[in-house]
Amino acid sequence: MRRFVVIGLGEFGLTVAKTLVEEGGEVIAIDKDEERVEEVSDIVAQAAQIDATDEKALRAVGVLEADVVVVGMGTNIQASILTNLTLKGMGAKKIVAKAITPLHGTVLEKIGVDKVVYPEMDMGRRVARSLTSDNILQQIQLSDRHSFMEIKAPESFVNKTLQKLDVKAKHQVNIIAIKRKISHVDETGEVSYVDDIDISPSPDDVIAKDDILLVFGDNESIAKLKEA
């Protein structure tokens, strides 16, 4: 079982801690606020109310034994920097830290933080993309450039086979799966519709109206594809 330390139990840190527990990790949660520590105490392996710049206290809760330390504090930039400096000086194995501005992130990188994340900025980008495109339904961003996305099949795709569309060659995008509604009639004659997902579409599969395509590629290529 991998061990994680999460420092800073605001909305971001709390979500990270809970998710790590759900994924089978052993989590030690740290915050200076007593109420936040109490909120998570029944969920994590250990919850501690300590100053995250207190090296002695951090050692006592087992920070150096953790596989990853997540520093979730962000709004107090000074506290974030001091905490990361302390962890780096102690020799923490891997540090993942939240930043709220590019400058904040640059400072953390200079300190030697292994990975800097920008949750507010990332969410802002996702919201903006969802507002500017009715065709994008869901998105999982794998990097700054590449994503998995669920998009509505463009009108120009309807009644054409995947082989004829040749999306990979023409658009540099891979269609991973096709989701569509299929009708189901129960014993009383009532008709209902359920989602059917073809996770291994063949070249002969025909795109139907209202199909949902799970695609993978770089964001720019996908943006062009949805307008095809």
C-alpha atoms as a PDB file:
ATOM      1  CA  MET A   1       0.000   0.000   0.000  1.00  0.00           C
ATOM      2  CA  ARG A   2       1.364   3.388  -1.003  1.00  0.00           C
ATOM      3  CA  ARG A   3       1.584   6.055   1.666  1.00  0.00           C
ATOM      4  CA  PHE A   4       0.634   9.685   1.080  1.00  0.00           C
ATOM      5  CA  VAL A   5       0.803  12.827   3.160  1.00  0.00           C
ATOM      6  CA  VAL A   6      -1.628  15.619   2.306  1.00  0.00           C
ATOM      7  CA  ILE A   7      -0.813  19.026   3.792  1.00  0.00           C
ATOM      8  CA  GLY A   8      -3.547  21.655   3.711  1.00  0.00           C
ATOM      9  CA  LEU A   9      -7.146  20.475   3.949  1.00  0.00           C
ATOM     10  CA  GLY A  10      -9.000  23.102   1.974  1.00  0.00           C
ATOM     11  CA  GLU A  11     -11.330  21.972  -0.800  1.00  0.00           C
ATOM     12  CA  PHE A  12      -8.440  20.784  -2.986  1.00  0.00           C
ATOM     13  CA  GLY A  13      -6.505  18.982  -0.259  1.00  0.00           C
ATOM     14  CA  LEU A  14      -9.607  17.385   1.213  1.00  0.00           C
ATOM     15  CA  THR A  15     -10.681  16.073  -2.183  1.00  0.00           C
ATOM     16  CA  VAL A  16      -7.197  14.678  -2.846  1.00  0.00           C
ATOM     17  CA  ALA A  17      -7.106  12.973   0.561  1.00  0.00           C
ATOM     18  CA  LYS A  18     -10.538  11.374   0.163  1.00  0.00           C
ATOM     19  CA  THR A  19      -9.805  10.202  -3.374  1.00  0.00           C
ATOM     20  CA  LEU A  20      -6.472   8.664  -2.381  1.00  0.00           C
ATOM     21  CA  VAL A  21      -8.235   6.714   0.374  1.00  0.00           C
ATOM     22  CA  GLU A  22     -10.892   5.544  -2.105  1.00  0.00           C
ATOM     23  CA  GLU A  23      -8.089   4.354  -4.395  1.00  0.00           C
ATOM     24  CA  GLY A  24      -6.572   2.267  -1.617  1.00  0.00           C
ATOM     25  CA  GLY A  25      -3.837   4.583  -0.398  1.00  0.00           C
ATOM     26  CA  GLU A  26      -2.756   5.122   3.203  1.00  0.00           C
ATOM     27  CA  VAL A  27      -3.202   8.826   3.892  1.00  0.00           C
ATOM     28  CA  ILE A  28      -1.863  11.099   6.603  1.00  0.00           C
ATOM     29  CA  ALA A  29      -3.714  14.437   6.553  1.00  0.00           C
ATOM     30  CA  ILE A  30      -2.211  17.596   8.036  1.00  0.00           C
ATOM     31  CA  ASP A  31      -3.636  21.047   8.691  1.00  0.00           C
ATOM     32  CA  LYS A  32      -3.209  23.726  11.343  1.00  0.00           C
ATOM     33  CA  ASP A  33      -7.004  24.164  11.561  1.00  0.00           C
ATOM     34  CA  GLU A  34      -8.557  21.870  14.168  1.00  0.00           C
ATOM     35  CA  GLU A  35     -11.984  21.720  12.504  1.00  0.00           C
ATOM     36  CA  ARG A  36     -10.516  20.624   9.183  1.00  0.00           C
ATOM     37  CA  VAL A  37      -8.466  17.927  10.887  1.00  0.00           C
ATOM     38  CA  GLU A  38     -11.540  16.644  12.722  1.00  0.00           C
ATOM     39  CA  GLU A  39     -13.524  16.593   9.478  1.00  0.00           C
ATOM     40  CA  VAL A  40     -11.121  14.127   7.877  1.00  0.00           C
ATOM     41  CA  SER A  41     -10.083  12.153  10.964  1.00  0.00           C
ATOM     42  CA  ASP A  42     -12.584   9.325  10.396  1.00  0.00           C
ATOM     43  CA  ILE A  43     -11.557   8.931   6.764  1.00  0.00           C
ATOM     44  CA  VAL A  44      -7.754   8.855   6.723  1.00  0.00           C
ATOM     45  CA  ALA A  45      -5.246   6.650   8.530  1.00  0.00           C
ATOM     46  CA  GLN A  46      -3.985   9.596  10.581  1.00  0.00           C
ATOM     47  CA  ALA A  47      -4.979  13.252  10.908  1.00  0.00           C
ATOM     48  CA  ALA A  48      -2.670  15.727  12.609  1.00  0.00           C
ATOM     49  CA  GLN A  49      -3.055  19.365  13.609  1.00  0.00           C
ATOM     50  CA  ILE A  50       0.463  20.714  13.214  1.00  0.00           C
ATOM     51  CA  ASP A  51       2.439  23.575  11.695  1.00  0.00           C
ATOM     52  CA  ALA A  52       3.571  22.362   8.283  1.00  0.00           C
ATOM     53  CA  THR A  53       6.858  24.261   8.633  1.00  0.00           C
ATOM     54  CA  ASP A  54       7.725  22.461  11.883  1.00  0.00           C
ATOM     55  CA  GLU A  55      10.295  19.911  10.737  1.00  0.00           C
ATOM     56  CA  LYS A  56      10.252  17.998  14.006  1.00  0.00           C
ATOM     57  CA  ALA A  57       6.461  17.616  13.903  1.00  0.00           C
ATOM     58  CA  LEU A  58       6.545  16.543  10.262  1.00  0.00           C
ATOM     59  CA  ARG A  59       9.104  13.865  11.032  1.00  0.00           C
ATOM     60  CA  ALA A  60       6.979  12.638  13.923  1.00  0.00           C
ATOM     61  CA  VAL A  61       3.967  11.952  11.685  1.00  0.00           C
ATOM     62  CA  GLY A  62       6.073  10.065   9.145  1.00  0.00           C
ATOM     63  CA  VAL A  63       6.523  12.498   6.269  1.00  0.00           C
ATOM     64  CA  LEU A  64       9.838  10.931   5.266  1.00  0.00           C
ATOM     65  CA  GLU A  65       8.221   7.494   4.993  1.00  0.00           C
ATOM     66  CA  ALA A  66       5.584   8.753   2.542  1.00  0.00           C
ATOM     67  CA  ASP A  67       5.843   7.888  -1.143  1.00  0.00           C
ATOM     68  CA  VAL A  68       4.321  11.252  -2.073  1.00  0.00           C
ATOM     69  CA  VAL A  69       3.665  14.464  -0.161  1.00  0.00           C
ATOM     70  CA  VAL A  70       0.890  16.664  -1.566  1.00  0.00           C
ATOM     71  CA  VAL A  71       0.972  20.313  -0.508  1.00  0.00           C
ATOM     72  CA  GLY A  72      -2.573  21.543  -1.036  1.00  0.00           C
ATOM     73  CA  MET A  73      -2.294  25.008   0.445  1.00  0.00           C
ATOM     74  CA  GLY A  74      -2.323  27.690  -2.197  1.00  0.00           C
ATOM     75  CA  THR A  75      -3.990  30.920  -1.160  1.00  0.00           C
ATOM     76  CA  ASN A  76      -1.270  31.649   1.406  1.00  0.00           C
ATOM     77  CA  ILE A  77       1.661  31.697  -0.982  1.00  0.00           C
ATOM     78  CA  GLN A  78       4.230  32.395   1.719  1.00  0.00           C
ATOM     79  CA  ALA A  79       3.091  29.393   3.756  1.00  0.00           C
ATOM     80  CA  SER A  80       3.123  27.253   0.619  1.00  0.00           C
ATOM     81  CA  ILE A  81       6.696  28.223  -0.233  1.00  0.00           C
ATOM     82  CA  LEU A  82       7.961  27.758   3.324  1.00  0.00           C
ATOM     83  CA  THR A  83       6.271  24.357   3.610  1.00  0.00           C
ATOM     84  CA  ASN A  84       7.771  23.147   0.351  1.00  0.00           C
ATOM     85  CA  LEU A  85      11.199  24.464   1.351  1.00  0.00           C
ATOM     86  CA  THR A  86      10.930  22.568   4.625  1.00  0.00           C
ATOM     87  CA  LEU A  87       9.909  19.338   2.900  1.00  0.00           C
ATOM     88  CA  LYS A  88      12.671  19.638   0.326  1.00  0.00           C
ATOM     89  CA  GLY A  89      15.245  20.283   3.023  1.00  0.00           C
ATOM     90  CA  MET A  90      14.057  17.238   4.939  1.00  0.00           C
ATOM     91  CA  GLY A  91      14.476  15.016   1.899  1.00  0.00           C
ATOM     92  CA  ALA A  92      10.836  14.114   1.168  1.00  0.00           C
ATOM     93  CA  LYS A  93      10.728  11.448  -1.572  1.00  0.00           C
ATOM     94  CA  LYS A  94       8.327  13.209  -3.937  1.00  0.00           C
ATOM     95  CA  ILE A  95       6.515  16.525  -3.576  1.00  0.00           C
ATOM     96  CA  VAL A  96       3.413  17.542  -5.512  1.00  0.00           C
ATOM     97  CA  ALA A  97       2.315  21.107  -4.804  1.00  0.00           C
ATOM     98  CA  LYS A  98      -0.629  23.303  -5.691  1.00  0.00           C
ATOM     99  CA  ALA A  99       0.055  26.728  -7.190  1.00  0.00           C
ATOM    100  CA  ILE A 100      -2.411  29.528  -7.862  1.00  0.00           C
ATOM    101  CA  THR A 101      -0.387  31.668 -10.274  1.00  0.00           C
ATOM    102  CA  PRO A 102       2.339  30.982 -12.842  1.00  0.00           C
ATOM    103  CA  LEU A 103       4.824  32.961 -10.721  1.00  0.00           C
ATOM    104  CA  HIS A 104       3.936  30.893  -7.655  1.00  0.00           C
ATOM    105  CA  GLY A 105       4.470  27.750  -9.724  1.00  0.00           C
ATOM    106  CA  THR A 106       7.820  28.981 -11.030  1.00  0.00           C
ATOM    107  CA  VAL A 107       9.048  29.579  -7.484  1.00  0.00           C
ATOM    108  CA  LEU A 108       7.954  26.080  -6.450  1.00  0.00           C
ATOM    109  CA  GLU A 109       9.791  24.588  -9.416  1.00  0.00           C
ATOM    110  CA  LYS A 110      12.940  26.524  -8.498  1.00  0.00           C
ATOM    111  CA  ILE A 111      12.694  25.124  -4.971  1.00  0.00           C
ATOM    112  CA  GLY A 112      12.714  21.636  -6.446  1.00  0.00           C
ATOM    113  CA  VAL A 113       9.076  20.556  -6.194  1.00  0.00           C
ATOM    114  CA  ASP A 114       8.638  17.447  -8.347  1.00  0.00           C
ATOM    115  CA  LYS A 115       5.255  18.386  -9.800  1.00  0.00           C
ATOM    116  CA  VAL A 116       3.310  21.646  -9.711  1.00  0.00           C
ATOM    117  CA  VAL A 117      -0.443  21.585 -10.343  1.00  0.00           C
ATOM    118  CA  TYR A 118      -2.801  24.467 -11.075  1.00  0.00           C
ATOM    119  CA  PRO A 119      -6.313  23.204 -10.184  1.00  0.00           C
ATOM    120  CA  GLU A 120      -8.077  26.564 -10.498  1.00  0.00           C
ATOM    121  CA  MET A 121      -6.456  27.357 -13.837  1.00  0.00           C
ATOM    122  CA  ASP A 122      -7.097  23.842 -15.170  1.00  0.00           C
ATOM    123  CA  MET A 123     -10.753  24.012 -14.156  1.00  0.00           C
ATOM    124  CA  GLY A 124     -11.072  27.437 -15.722  1.00  0.00           C
ATOM    125  CA  ARG A 125      -9.790  26.085 -19.028  1.00  0.00           C
ATOM    126  CA  ARG A 126     -12.223  23.162 -18.913  1.00  0.00           C
ATOM    127  CA  VAL A 127     -15.176  25.425 -18.159  1.00  0.00           C
ATOM    128  CA  ALA A 128     -14.178  27.805 -20.956  1.00  0.00           C
ATOM    129  CA  ARG A 129     -13.913  24.935 -23.443  1.00  0.00           C
ATOM    130  CA  SER A 130     -17.308  23.604 -22.408  1.00  0.00           C
ATOM    131  CA  LEU A 131     -18.858  27.058 -22.865  1.00  0.00           C
ATOM    132  CA  THR A 132     -17.362  27.606 -26.305  1.00  0.00           C
ATOM    133  CA  SER A 133     -18.301  24.216 -27.717  1.00  0.00           C
ATOM    134  CA  ASP A 134     -21.701  22.550 -27.497  1.00  0.00           C
ATOM    135  CA  ASN A 135     -20.186  19.429 -29.070  1.00  0.00           C
ATOM    136  CA  ILE A 136     -17.738  18.623 -26.259  1.00  0.00           C
ATOM    137  CA  LEU A 137     -19.550  16.672 -23.536  1.00  0.00           C
ATOM    138  CA  GLN A 138     -16.720  15.422 -21.324  1.00  0.00           C
ATOM    139  CA  GLN A 139     -12.970  15.793 -21.327  1.00  0.00           C
ATOM    140  CA  ILE A 140     -10.063  14.081 -19.594  1.00  0.00           C
ATOM    141  CA  GLN A 141      -6.915  16.103 -20.144  1.00  0.00           C
ATOM    142  CA  LEU A 142      -3.768  13.951 -20.193  1.00  0.00           C
ATOM    143  CA  SER A 143      -1.326  16.781 -20.836  1.00  0.00           C
ATOM    144  CA  ASP A 144      -1.328  20.414 -21.878  1.00  0.00           C
ATOM    145  CA  ARG A 145      -1.945  19.290 -25.470  1.00  0.00           C
ATOM    146  CA  HIS A 146      -3.648  15.880 -25.436  1.00  0.00           C
ATOM    147  CA  SER A 147      -7.052  14.768 -24.177  1.00  0.00           C
ATOM    148  CA  PHE A 148      -9.710  12.104 -24.273  1.00  0.00           C
ATOM    149  CA  MET A 149     -13.028  13.764 -25.169  1.00  0.00           C
ATOM    150  CA  GLU A 150     -16.617  12.749 -25.675  1.00  0.00           C
ATOM    151  CA  ILE A 151     -18.034  14.699 -28.619  1.00  0.00           C
ATOM    152  CA  LYS A 152     -21.272  14.628 -30.553  1.00  0.00           C
ATOM    153  CA  ALA A 153     -20.757  13.060 -33.956  1.00  0.00           C
ATOM    154  CA  PRO A 154     -20.559  15.880 -36.526  1.00  0.00           C
ATOM    155  CA  GLU A 155     -23.443  15.991 -39.006  1.00  0.00           C
ATOM    156  CA  SER A 156     -20.990  15.313 -41.828  1.00  0.00           C
ATOM    157  CA  PHE A 157     -20.141  11.934 -40.240  1.00  0.00           C
ATOM    158  CA  VAL A 158     -23.715  10.588 -40.150  1.00  0.00           C
ATOM    159  CA  ASN A 159     -24.401   7.507 -42.321  1.00  0.00           C
ATOM    160  CA  LYS A 160     -20.722   7.081 -43.148  1.00  0.00           C
ATOM    161  CA  THR A 161     -18.429   4.228 -42.141  1.00  0.00           C
ATOM    162  CA  LEU A 162     -15.310   4.761 -40.072  1.00  0.00           C
ATOM    163  CA  GLN A 163     -13.303   3.469 -43.010  1.00  0.00           C
ATOM    164  CA  LYS A 164     -14.709   6.133 -45.316  1.00  0.00           C
ATOM    165  CA  LEU A 165     -14.264   8.876 -42.725  1.00  0.00           C
ATOM    166  CA  ASP A 166     -10.622   7.846 -42.142  1.00  0.00           C
ATOM    167  CA  VAL A 167     -10.485  10.171 -39.142  1.00  0.00           C
ATOM    168  CA  LYS A 168      -6.976   9.237 -38.051  1.00  0.00           C
ATOM    169  CA  ALA A 169      -5.416  10.094 -41.412  1.00  0.00           C
ATOM    170  CA  LYS A 170      -7.516  13.180 -42.133  1.00  0.00           C
ATOM    171  CA  HIS A 171      -7.746  14.696 -38.651  1.00  0.00           C
ATOM    172  CA  GLN A 172      -4.951  13.043 -36.615  1.00  0.00           C
ATOM    173  CA  VAL A 173      -7.548  11.899 -34.072  1.00  0.00           C
ATOM    174  CA  ASN A 174      -8.372   8.360 -32.932  1.00  0.00           C
ATOM    175  CA  ILE A 175     -11.965   7.224 -32.366  1.00  0.00           C
ATOM    176  CA  ILE A 176     -11.694   4.950 -29.336  1.00  0.00           C
ATOM    177  CA  ALA A 177     -15.366   4.082 -28.794  1.00  0.00           C
ATOM    178  CA  ILE A 178     -18.881   4.890 -29.992  1.00  0.00           C
ATOM    179  CA  LYS A 179     -21.806   5.410 -27.630  1.00  0.00           C
ATOM    180  CA  ARG A 180     -25.406   5.418 -28.830  1.00  0.00           C
ATOM    181  CA  LYS A 181     -28.914   4.971 -27.507  1.00  0.00           C
ATOM    182  CA  ILE A 182     -30.610   1.693 -28.372  1.00  0.00           C
ATOM    183  CA  SER A 183     -34.268   0.884 -27.836  1.00  0.00           C
ATOM    184  CA  HIS A 184     -35.418  -1.851 -25.490  1.00  0.00           C
ATOM    185  CA  VAL A 185     -38.957  -3.200 -25.320  1.00  0.00           C
ATOM    186  CA  ASP A 186     -39.971  -4.845 -22.055  1.00  0.00           C
ATOM    187  CA  GLU A 187     -42.594  -7.572 -21.625  1.00  0.00           C
ATOM    188  CA  THR A 188     -45.353  -4.977 -21.236  1.00  0.00           C
ATOM    189  CA  GLY A 189     -44.474  -3.406 -24.562  1.00  0.00           C
ATOM    190  CA  GLU A 190     -43.021  -0.261 -23.042  1.00  0.00           C
ATOM    191  CA  VAL A 191     -40.062   1.153 -24.942  1.00  0.00           C
ATOM    192  CA  SER A 192     -37.021   2.505 -23.129  1.00  0.00           C
ATOM    193  CA  TYR A 193     -33.596   3.605 -24.293  1.00  0.00           C
ATOM    194  CA  VAL A 194     -30.259   2.533 -22.854  1.00  0.00           C
ATOM    195  CA  ASP A 195     -26.679   3.457 -23.643  1.00  0.00           C
ATOM    196  CA  ASP A 196     -24.745   0.967 -25.749  1.00  0.00           C
ATOM    197  CA  ILE A 197     -20.987   1.429 -25.983  1.00  0.00           C
ATOM    198  CA  ASP A 198     -18.883  -0.141 -28.720  1.00  0.00           C
ATOM    199  CA  ILE A 199     -15.389  -0.140 -27.223  1.00  0.00           C
ATOM    200  CA  SER A 200     -13.796  -1.677 -30.299  1.00  0.00           C
ATOM    201  CA  PRO A 201     -15.409  -0.108 -33.362  1.00  0.00           C
ATOM    202  CA  SER A 202     -14.625  -1.712 -36.719  1.00  0.00           C
ATOM    203  CA  PRO A 203     -13.913   0.078 -40.021  1.00  0.00           C
ATOM    204  CA  ASP A 204     -17.368  -0.994 -41.247  1.00  0.00           C
ATOM    205  CA  ASP A 205     -19.253   0.631 -38.356  1.00  0.00           C
ATOM    206  CA  VAL A 206     -21.618   3.364 -39.545  1.00  0.00           C
ATOM    207  CA  ILE A 207     -21.988   6.583 -37.576  1.00  0.00           C
ATOM    208  CA  ALA A 208     -25.611   7.322 -36.704  1.00  0.00           C
ATOM    209  CA  LYS A 209     -27.320  10.584 -35.816  1.00  0.00           C
ATOM    210  CA  ASP A 210     -26.838  11.481 -32.128  1.00  0.00           C
ATOM    211  CA  ASP A 211     -23.900   9.076 -31.710  1.00  0.00           C
ATOM    212  CA  ILE A 212     -21.329  10.099 -29.117  1.00  0.00           C
ATOM    213  CA  LEU A 213     -17.687   9.552 -30.053  1.00  0.00           C
ATOM    214  CA  LEU A 214     -14.916   8.992 -27.527  1.00  0.00           C
ATOM    215  CA  VAL A 215     -11.847  10.401 -29.231  1.00  0.00           C
ATOM    216  CA  PHE A 216      -8.183  10.848 -28.387  1.00  0.00           C
ATOM    217  CA  GLY A 217      -5.773  13.342 -29.856  1.00  0.00           C
ATOM    218  CA  ASP A 218      -4.263  16.764 -29.442  1.00  0.00           C
ATOM    219  CA  ASN A 219      -6.737  19.448 -28.404  1.00  0.00           C
ATOM    220  CA  GLU A 220      -6.324  21.524 -31.555  1.00  0.00           C
ATOM    221  CA  SER A 221      -7.050  18.558 -33.833  1.00  0.00           C
ATOM    222  CA  ILE A 222     -10.118  17.582 -31.812  1.00  0.00           C
ATOM    223  CA  ALA A 223     -11.395  21.163 -31.966  1.00  0.00           C
ATOM    224  CA  LYS A 224     -11.144  21.049 -35.763  1.00  0.00           C
ATOM    225  CA  LEU A 225     -12.758  17.602 -35.887  1.00  0.00           C
ATOM    226  CA  LYS A 226     -15.905  18.679 -34.068  1.00  0.00           C
ATOM    227  CA  GLU A 227     -16.429  21.368 -36.694  1.00  0.00           C
ATOM    228  CA  ALA A 228     -15.923  18.932 -39.590  1.00  0.00           C
END
